[in-house]
């Protein structure tokens, strides 16, 4: 049985978790507490970068969430979460990368900055650009790949779900708001979505981990 090393508060984890549930893949969940489990020797053998998630499937290890999603799609193709048409496939891949590179890092910035800081204001402006891009790309489709759920919806939907918890809603992006509400009605999403309290716990742990990493880097300099 596929083993899934995870922490439910991690957005990268929830991308994979939701894909496993949407594809109805049976798996053994192995909870990793981020206060030290990820630094234990046995886990570092799986992932020397001490991040979650990791899967081990038939003794084959895969790390990095986007790679895991591609692996699951190739190994367990039904139901399909990638379109076949070149344009739609490119759209799905493009949206995944925009979410990973332009959306998620900026939300992390919001966790660290005061609302009146120049960096916070600049970050909100950048997020507006990202949300407009996503709204335009989605258009009148139900999902980013057309009328069927795709990996792009899972990635963006998971990442973007942090924004309301940071006080940012989608009222200025009506089709994006409708799309997000559709996702939130899916059983896999209701099972895995963070409450506001769980998000605050994740935020505290994440900030603490980042501070430890910065301290370790400073000691090495």
C-alpha atoms as a PDB file:
ATOM      1  CA  UNK A   1       0.000   0.000   0.000  1.00  0.00           C
ATOM      2  CA  UNK A   2       1.169   3.506  -0.811  1.00  0.00           C
ATOM      3  CA  UNK A   3       2.584   5.329   2.229  1.00  0.00           C
ATOM      4  CA  UNK A   4       1.841   9.027   2.584  1.00  0.00           C
ATOM      5  CA  UNK A   5       4.047  11.038   4.945  1.00  0.00           C
ATOM      6  CA  UNK A   6       2.146  14.207   5.690  1.00  0.00           C
ATOM      7  CA  UNK A   7       1.164  17.028   7.985  1.00  0.00           C
ATOM      8  CA  UNK A   8      -2.384  18.286   7.370  1.00  0.00           C
ATOM      9  CA  UNK A   9      -1.463  21.938   7.951  1.00  0.00           C
ATOM     10  CA  UNK A  10       0.995  22.028   5.049  1.00  0.00           C
ATOM     11  CA  UNK A  11      -0.517  23.325   1.775  1.00  0.00           C
ATOM     12  CA  UNK A  12       1.896  21.149  -0.226  1.00  0.00           C
ATOM     13  CA  UNK A  13       0.655  18.156   1.753  1.00  0.00           C
ATOM     14  CA  UNK A  14      -2.990  19.009   1.090  1.00  0.00           C
ATOM     15  CA  UNK A  15      -2.332  19.161  -2.660  1.00  0.00           C
ATOM     16  CA  UNK A  16      -1.274  15.503  -2.562  1.00  0.00           C
ATOM     17  CA  UNK A  17      -3.872  14.469   0.006  1.00  0.00           C
ATOM     18  CA  UNK A  18      -6.700  15.848  -2.109  1.00  0.00           C
ATOM     19  CA  UNK A  19      -5.352  14.148  -5.219  1.00  0.00           C
ATOM     20  CA  UNK A  20      -5.224  10.807  -3.406  1.00  0.00           C
ATOM     21  CA  UNK A  21      -8.815  11.263  -2.266  1.00  0.00           C
ATOM     22  CA  UNK A  22     -10.118  12.486  -5.634  1.00  0.00           C
ATOM     23  CA  UNK A  23      -8.519   9.474  -7.332  1.00  0.00           C
ATOM     24  CA  UNK A  24      -9.699   7.148  -4.536  1.00  0.00           C
ATOM     25  CA  UNK A  25      -6.205   5.722  -4.094  1.00  0.00           C
ATOM     26  CA  UNK A  26      -5.836   3.650  -0.949  1.00  0.00           C
ATOM     27  CA  UNK A  27      -2.919   4.791   1.190  1.00  0.00           C
ATOM     28  CA  UNK A  28      -1.396   4.493   4.623  1.00  0.00           C
ATOM     29  CA  UNK A  29      -1.248   7.954   6.243  1.00  0.00           C
ATOM     30  CA  UNK A  30       1.867   8.585   8.335  1.00  0.00           C
ATOM     31  CA  UNK A  31       1.482  11.789  10.327  1.00  0.00           C
ATOM     32  CA  UNK A  32       4.627  13.887  10.705  1.00  0.00           C
ATOM     33  CA  UNK A  33       4.670  16.353  13.586  1.00  0.00           C
ATOM     34  CA  UNK A  34       6.660  19.343  12.436  1.00  0.00           C
ATOM     35  CA  UNK A  35       8.276  19.875  15.826  1.00  0.00           C
ATOM     36  CA  UNK A  36      10.969  17.285  15.138  1.00  0.00           C
ATOM     37  CA  UNK A  37       9.623  14.236  13.309  1.00  0.00           C
ATOM     38  CA  UNK A  38      10.927  15.617  10.013  1.00  0.00           C
ATOM     39  CA  UNK A  39      14.465  15.764  11.429  1.00  0.00           C
ATOM     40  CA  UNK A  40      14.637  12.149  12.580  1.00  0.00           C
ATOM     41  CA  UNK A  41      17.275  10.001  10.795  1.00  0.00           C
ATOM     42  CA  UNK A  42      14.740   7.573   9.343  1.00  0.00           C
ATOM     43  CA  UNK A  43      12.776  10.415   7.736  1.00  0.00           C
ATOM     44  CA  UNK A  44      15.894  12.186   6.491  1.00  0.00           C
ATOM     45  CA  UNK A  45      16.706   8.990   4.589  1.00  0.00           C
ATOM     46  CA  UNK A  46      13.462   9.539   2.696  1.00  0.00           C
ATOM     47  CA  UNK A  47      13.794  13.295   2.349  1.00  0.00           C
ATOM     48  CA  UNK A  48      17.150  14.864   3.254  1.00  0.00           C
ATOM     49  CA  UNK A  49      15.510  18.301   2.898  1.00  0.00           C
ATOM     50  CA  UNK A  50      13.178  17.450   5.837  1.00  0.00           C
ATOM     51  CA  UNK A  51       9.990  18.625   4.120  1.00  0.00           C
ATOM     52  CA  UNK A  52       6.541  17.068   3.742  1.00  0.00           C
ATOM     53  CA  UNK A  53       4.965  15.446   1.840  1.00  0.00           C
ATOM     54  CA  UNK A  54       6.680  12.267   0.696  1.00  0.00           C
ATOM     55  CA  UNK A  55       5.070   9.150  -0.773  1.00  0.00           C
ATOM     56  CA  UNK A  56       6.525   5.656  -0.987  1.00  0.00           C
ATOM     57  CA  UNK A  57       4.726   3.491  -3.527  1.00  0.00           C
ATOM     58  CA  UNK A  58       5.949  -0.077  -4.125  1.00  0.00           C
ATOM     59  CA  UNK A  59       9.222   0.941  -2.479  1.00  0.00           C
ATOM     60  CA  UNK A  60       9.574   3.882  -4.886  1.00  0.00           C
ATOM     61  CA  UNK A  61      10.055   7.196  -3.090  1.00  0.00           C
ATOM     62  CA  UNK A  62       8.759  10.475  -4.528  1.00  0.00           C
ATOM     63  CA  UNK A  63       9.139  13.919  -2.990  1.00  0.00           C
ATOM     64  CA  UNK A  64       8.147  17.460  -4.077  1.00  0.00           C
ATOM     65  CA  UNK A  65       4.395  17.889  -4.322  1.00  0.00           C
ATOM     66  CA  UNK A  66       4.121  18.721  -8.032  1.00  0.00           C
ATOM     67  CA  UNK A  67       6.244  15.703  -8.948  1.00  0.00           C
ATOM     68  CA  UNK A  68       4.112  13.510  -6.694  1.00  0.00           C
ATOM     69  CA  UNK A  69       0.975  14.729  -8.479  1.00  0.00           C
ATOM     70  CA  UNK A  70       2.444  13.886 -11.887  1.00  0.00           C
ATOM     71  CA  UNK A  71       3.496  10.467 -10.626  1.00  0.00           C
ATOM     72  CA  UNK A  72       0.022   9.722  -9.263  1.00  0.00           C
ATOM     73  CA  UNK A  73      -1.569  10.798 -12.550  1.00  0.00           C
ATOM     74  CA  UNK A  74       0.742   8.517 -14.537  1.00  0.00           C
ATOM     75  CA  UNK A  75       0.503   5.533 -12.175  1.00  0.00           C
ATOM     76  CA  UNK A  76      -3.215   5.852 -11.396  1.00  0.00           C
ATOM     77  CA  UNK A  77      -4.718   7.453 -14.534  1.00  0.00           C
ATOM     78  CA  UNK A  78      -8.390   7.105 -13.570  1.00  0.00           C
ATOM     79  CA  UNK A  79     -10.107   9.410 -12.996  1.00  0.00           C
ATOM     80  CA  UNK A  80      -7.961  11.582 -15.227  1.00  0.00           C
ATOM     81  CA  UNK A  81      -6.854  14.884 -13.699  1.00  0.00           C
ATOM     82  CA  UNK A  82      -4.907  16.095 -16.731  1.00  0.00           C
ATOM     83  CA  UNK A  83      -6.518  16.921 -20.084  1.00  0.00           C
ATOM     84  CA  UNK A  84      -5.202  15.447 -23.337  1.00  0.00           C
ATOM     85  CA  UNK A  85      -5.580  18.517 -25.570  1.00  0.00           C
ATOM     86  CA  UNK A  86      -2.271  20.421 -25.884  1.00  0.00           C
ATOM     87  CA  UNK A  87      -3.762  23.847 -25.149  1.00  0.00           C
ATOM     88  CA  UNK A  88      -5.673  22.681 -22.089  1.00  0.00           C
ATOM     89  CA  UNK A  89      -2.703  20.682 -20.819  1.00  0.00           C
ATOM     90  CA  UNK A  90      -0.471  23.733 -21.188  1.00  0.00           C
ATOM     91  CA  UNK A  91      -3.037  25.831 -19.338  1.00  0.00           C
ATOM     92  CA  UNK A  92      -3.167  23.358 -16.454  1.00  0.00           C
ATOM     93  CA  UNK A  93       0.641  23.200 -16.177  1.00  0.00           C
ATOM     94  CA  UNK A  94       0.960  26.975 -16.479  1.00  0.00           C
ATOM     95  CA  UNK A  95      -1.580  27.611 -13.738  1.00  0.00           C
ATOM     96  CA  UNK A  96       0.150  25.114 -11.443  1.00  0.00           C
ATOM     97  CA  UNK A  97       3.466  26.916 -11.868  1.00  0.00           C
ATOM     98  CA  UNK A  98       1.960  30.381 -11.404  1.00  0.00           C
ATOM     99  CA  UNK A  99       0.352  29.245  -8.170  1.00  0.00           C
ATOM    100  CA  UNK A 100       3.590  27.661  -6.947  1.00  0.00           C
ATOM    101  CA  UNK A 101       5.917  30.502  -7.966  1.00  0.00           C
ATOM    102  CA  UNK A 102       3.771  33.636  -7.801  1.00  0.00           C
ATOM    103  CA  UNK A 103       0.945  32.933  -5.361  1.00  0.00           C
ATOM    104  CA  UNK A 104       2.144  30.728  -2.528  1.00  0.00           C
ATOM    105  CA  UNK A 105       5.412  32.612  -1.770  1.00  0.00           C
ATOM    106  CA  UNK A 106       3.538  35.916  -1.541  1.00  0.00           C
ATOM    107  CA  UNK A 107       1.035  34.476   0.939  1.00  0.00           C
ATOM    108  CA  UNK A 108       3.962  33.396   3.076  1.00  0.00           C
ATOM    109  CA  UNK A 109       5.179  37.011   2.989  1.00  0.00           C
ATOM    110  CA  UNK A 110       1.816  38.167   4.356  1.00  0.00           C
ATOM    111  CA  UNK A 111       2.324  35.960   7.417  1.00  0.00           C
ATOM    112  CA  UNK A 112       5.517  37.806   8.348  1.00  0.00           C
ATOM    113  CA  UNK A 113       4.782  41.436   7.486  1.00  0.00           C
ATOM    114  CA  UNK A 114       2.703  44.125   9.217  1.00  0.00           C
ATOM    115  CA  UNK A 115      -0.247  45.373   7.180  1.00  0.00           C
ATOM    116  CA  UNK A 116       1.183  48.899   6.890  1.00  0.00           C
ATOM    117  CA  UNK A 117       4.662  47.798   5.780  1.00  0.00           C
ATOM    118  CA  UNK A 118       5.751  48.603   2.195  1.00  0.00           C
ATOM    119  CA  UNK A 119       6.453  44.911   1.564  1.00  0.00           C
ATOM    120  CA  UNK A 120       2.921  43.939   2.656  1.00  0.00           C
ATOM    121  CA  UNK A 121       1.373  46.548   0.342  1.00  0.00           C
ATOM    122  CA  UNK A 122       3.592  45.484  -2.557  1.00  0.00           C
ATOM    123  CA  UNK A 123       2.687  41.849  -1.939  1.00  0.00           C
ATOM    124  CA  UNK A 124      -1.051  42.593  -2.040  1.00  0.00           C
ATOM    125  CA  UNK A 125      -0.567  44.367  -5.356  1.00  0.00           C
ATOM    126  CA  UNK A 126       1.238  41.332  -6.729  1.00  0.00           C
ATOM    127  CA  UNK A 127      -1.518  39.042  -5.491  1.00  0.00           C
ATOM    128  CA  UNK A 128      -4.054  41.196  -7.316  1.00  0.00           C
ATOM    129  CA  UNK A 129      -2.094  40.595 -10.529  1.00  0.00           C
ATOM    130  CA  UNK A 130      -2.068  36.845  -9.878  1.00  0.00           C
ATOM    131  CA  UNK A 131      -5.787  36.698  -9.095  1.00  0.00           C
ATOM    132  CA  UNK A 132      -6.639  38.683 -12.240  1.00  0.00           C
ATOM    133  CA  UNK A 133      -4.536  36.281 -14.287  1.00  0.00           C
ATOM    134  CA  UNK A 134      -6.302  33.282 -12.752  1.00  0.00           C
ATOM    135  CA  UNK A 135      -9.726  34.866 -13.277  1.00  0.00           C
ATOM    136  CA  UNK A 136      -8.975  35.563 -16.948  1.00  0.00           C
ATOM    137  CA  UNK A 137      -7.468  32.119 -17.517  1.00  0.00           C
ATOM    138  CA  UNK A 138     -10.456  30.379 -15.925  1.00  0.00           C
ATOM    139  CA  UNK A 139     -12.900  32.399 -18.018  1.00  0.00           C
ATOM    140  CA  UNK A 140     -16.330  30.774 -18.209  1.00  0.00           C
ATOM    141  CA  UNK A 141     -15.049  27.243 -17.620  1.00  0.00           C
ATOM    142  CA  UNK A 142     -16.010  25.260 -14.548  1.00  0.00           C
ATOM    143  CA  UNK A 143     -12.362  24.291 -14.006  1.00  0.00           C
ATOM    144  CA  UNK A 144      -8.998  25.334 -15.385  1.00  0.00           C
ATOM    145  CA  UNK A 145      -8.893  22.391 -17.773  1.00  0.00           C
ATOM    146  CA  UNK A 146     -12.461  22.784 -18.993  1.00  0.00           C
ATOM    147  CA  UNK A 147     -15.412  21.058 -17.351  1.00  0.00           C
ATOM    148  CA  UNK A 148     -13.484  18.423 -15.387  1.00  0.00           C
ATOM    149  CA  UNK A 149     -11.445  18.823 -12.220  1.00  0.00           C
ATOM    150  CA  UNK A 150      -7.694  18.926 -12.893  1.00  0.00           C
ATOM    151  CA  UNK A 151      -4.431  19.042 -10.981  1.00  0.00           C
ATOM    152  CA  UNK A 152      -4.398  22.799 -11.583  1.00  0.00           C
ATOM    153  CA  UNK A 153      -7.619  23.173  -9.617  1.00  0.00           C
ATOM    154  CA  UNK A 154      -6.170  21.096  -6.805  1.00  0.00           C
ATOM    155  CA  UNK A 155      -2.945  23.106  -6.652  1.00  0.00           C
ATOM    156  CA  UNK A 156      -4.459  26.570  -6.998  1.00  0.00           C
ATOM    157  CA  UNK A 157      -7.493  25.744  -4.888  1.00  0.00           C
ATOM    158  CA  UNK A 158      -5.298  24.504  -2.071  1.00  0.00           C
ATOM    159  CA  UNK A 159      -2.911  27.452  -2.210  1.00  0.00           C
ATOM    160  CA  UNK A 160      -5.590  30.092  -2.649  1.00  0.00           C
ATOM    161  CA  UNK A 161      -7.632  28.779   0.276  1.00  0.00           C
ATOM    162  CA  UNK A 162      -5.101  30.451   2.594  1.00  0.00           C
ATOM    163  CA  UNK A 163      -6.085  33.918   1.378  1.00  0.00           C
ATOM    164  CA  UNK A 164      -9.480  34.184   3.133  1.00  0.00           C
ATOM    165  CA  UNK A 165      -7.750  33.133   6.347  1.00  0.00           C
ATOM    166  CA  UNK A 166      -5.401  36.075   5.828  1.00  0.00           C
ATOM    167  CA  UNK A 167      -8.320  38.466   5.371  1.00  0.00           C
ATOM    168  CA  UNK A 168      -8.357  38.537   1.554  1.00  0.00           C
ATOM    169  CA  UNK A 169     -11.577  37.532  -0.228  1.00  0.00           C
ATOM    170  CA  UNK A 170     -12.435  37.017  -3.889  1.00  0.00           C
ATOM    171  CA  UNK A 171     -15.349  39.463  -4.169  1.00  0.00           C
ATOM    172  CA  UNK A 172     -13.583  41.353  -6.982  1.00  0.00           C
ATOM    173  CA  UNK A 173     -13.075  38.143  -8.953  1.00  0.00           C
ATOM    174  CA  UNK A 174     -16.600  36.707  -9.320  1.00  0.00           C
ATOM    175  CA  UNK A 175     -15.887  33.693 -11.548  1.00  0.00           C
ATOM    176  CA  UNK A 176     -12.908  32.783  -9.368  1.00  0.00           C
ATOM    177  CA  UNK A 177     -15.106  33.066  -6.300  1.00  0.00           C
ATOM    178  CA  UNK A 178     -17.727  30.747  -7.847  1.00  0.00           C
ATOM    179  CA  UNK A 179     -15.009  28.245  -8.809  1.00  0.00           C
ATOM    180  CA  UNK A 180     -13.588  28.302  -5.280  1.00  0.00           C
ATOM    181  CA  UNK A 181     -17.009  27.708  -3.729  1.00  0.00           C
ATOM    182  CA  UNK A 182     -17.549  24.709  -6.038  1.00  0.00           C
ATOM    183  CA  UNK A 183     -14.270  23.220  -4.891  1.00  0.00           C
ATOM    184  CA  UNK A 184     -15.120  23.707  -1.235  1.00  0.00           C
ATOM    185  CA  UNK A 185     -18.274  21.614  -1.704  1.00  0.00           C
ATOM    186  CA  UNK A 186     -16.341  18.544  -2.821  1.00  0.00           C
ATOM    187  CA  UNK A 187     -16.059  15.798  -0.144  1.00  0.00           C
ATOM    188  CA  UNK A 188     -12.255  15.584  -0.480  1.00  0.00           C
ATOM    189  CA  UNK A 189     -11.977  19.298   0.224  1.00  0.00           C
ATOM    190  CA  UNK A 190     -14.377  19.327   3.138  1.00  0.00           C
ATOM    191  CA  UNK A 191     -12.363  16.523   4.704  1.00  0.00           C
ATOM    192  CA  UNK A 192      -9.010  18.267   4.312  1.00  0.00           C
ATOM    193  CA  UNK A 193      -9.657  22.012   4.602  1.00  0.00           C
ATOM    194  CA  UNK A 194      -8.064  23.837   7.533  1.00  0.00           C
ATOM    195  CA  UNK A 195     -10.212  25.654  10.056  1.00  0.00           C
ATOM    196  CA  UNK A 196      -9.177  29.178  11.018  1.00  0.00           C
ATOM    197  CA  UNK A 197      -7.817  27.820  14.302  1.00  0.00           C
ATOM    198  CA  UNK A 198      -5.777  25.154  12.515  1.00  0.00           C
ATOM    199  CA  UNK A 199      -4.438  27.794  10.154  1.00  0.00           C
ATOM    200  CA  UNK A 200      -3.316  29.969  13.065  1.00  0.00           C
ATOM    201  CA  UNK A 201      -1.523  26.946  14.529  1.00  0.00           C
ATOM    202  CA  UNK A 202       0.148  26.301  11.164  1.00  0.00           C
ATOM    203  CA  UNK A 203       1.159  29.958  10.941  1.00  0.00           C
ATOM    204  CA  UNK A 204       2.809  29.881  14.369  1.00  0.00           C
ATOM    205  CA  UNK A 205       4.695  26.665  13.611  1.00  0.00           C
ATOM    206  CA  UNK A 206       5.713  27.898  10.166  1.00  0.00           C
ATOM    207  CA  UNK A 207       7.055  31.182  11.497  1.00  0.00           C
ATOM    208  CA  UNK A 208       9.002  29.310  14.181  1.00  0.00           C
ATOM    209  CA  UNK A 209      10.508  26.945  11.598  1.00  0.00           C
ATOM    210  CA  UNK A 210      11.508  29.854   9.369  1.00  0.00           C
ATOM    211  CA  UNK A 211      13.141  31.609  12.295  1.00  0.00           C
ATOM    212  CA  UNK A 212      15.121  28.445  13.084  1.00  0.00           C
ATOM    213  CA  UNK A 213      16.289  28.170   9.477  1.00  0.00           C
ATOM    214  CA  UNK A 214      17.371  31.824   9.407  1.00  0.00           C
ATOM    215  CA  UNK A 215      19.217  31.384  12.684  1.00  0.00           C
ATOM    216  CA  UNK A 216      21.002  28.276  11.354  1.00  0.00           C
ATOM    217  CA  UNK A 217      22.018  30.114   8.175  1.00  0.00           C
ATOM    218  CA  UNK A 218      23.336  33.064  10.164  1.00  0.00           C
ATOM    219  CA  UNK A 219      25.467  30.752  12.318  1.00  0.00           C
ATOM    220  CA  UNK A 220      27.038  29.234   9.205  1.00  0.00           C
ATOM    221  CA  UNK A 221      27.997  32.613   7.740  1.00  0.00           C
END
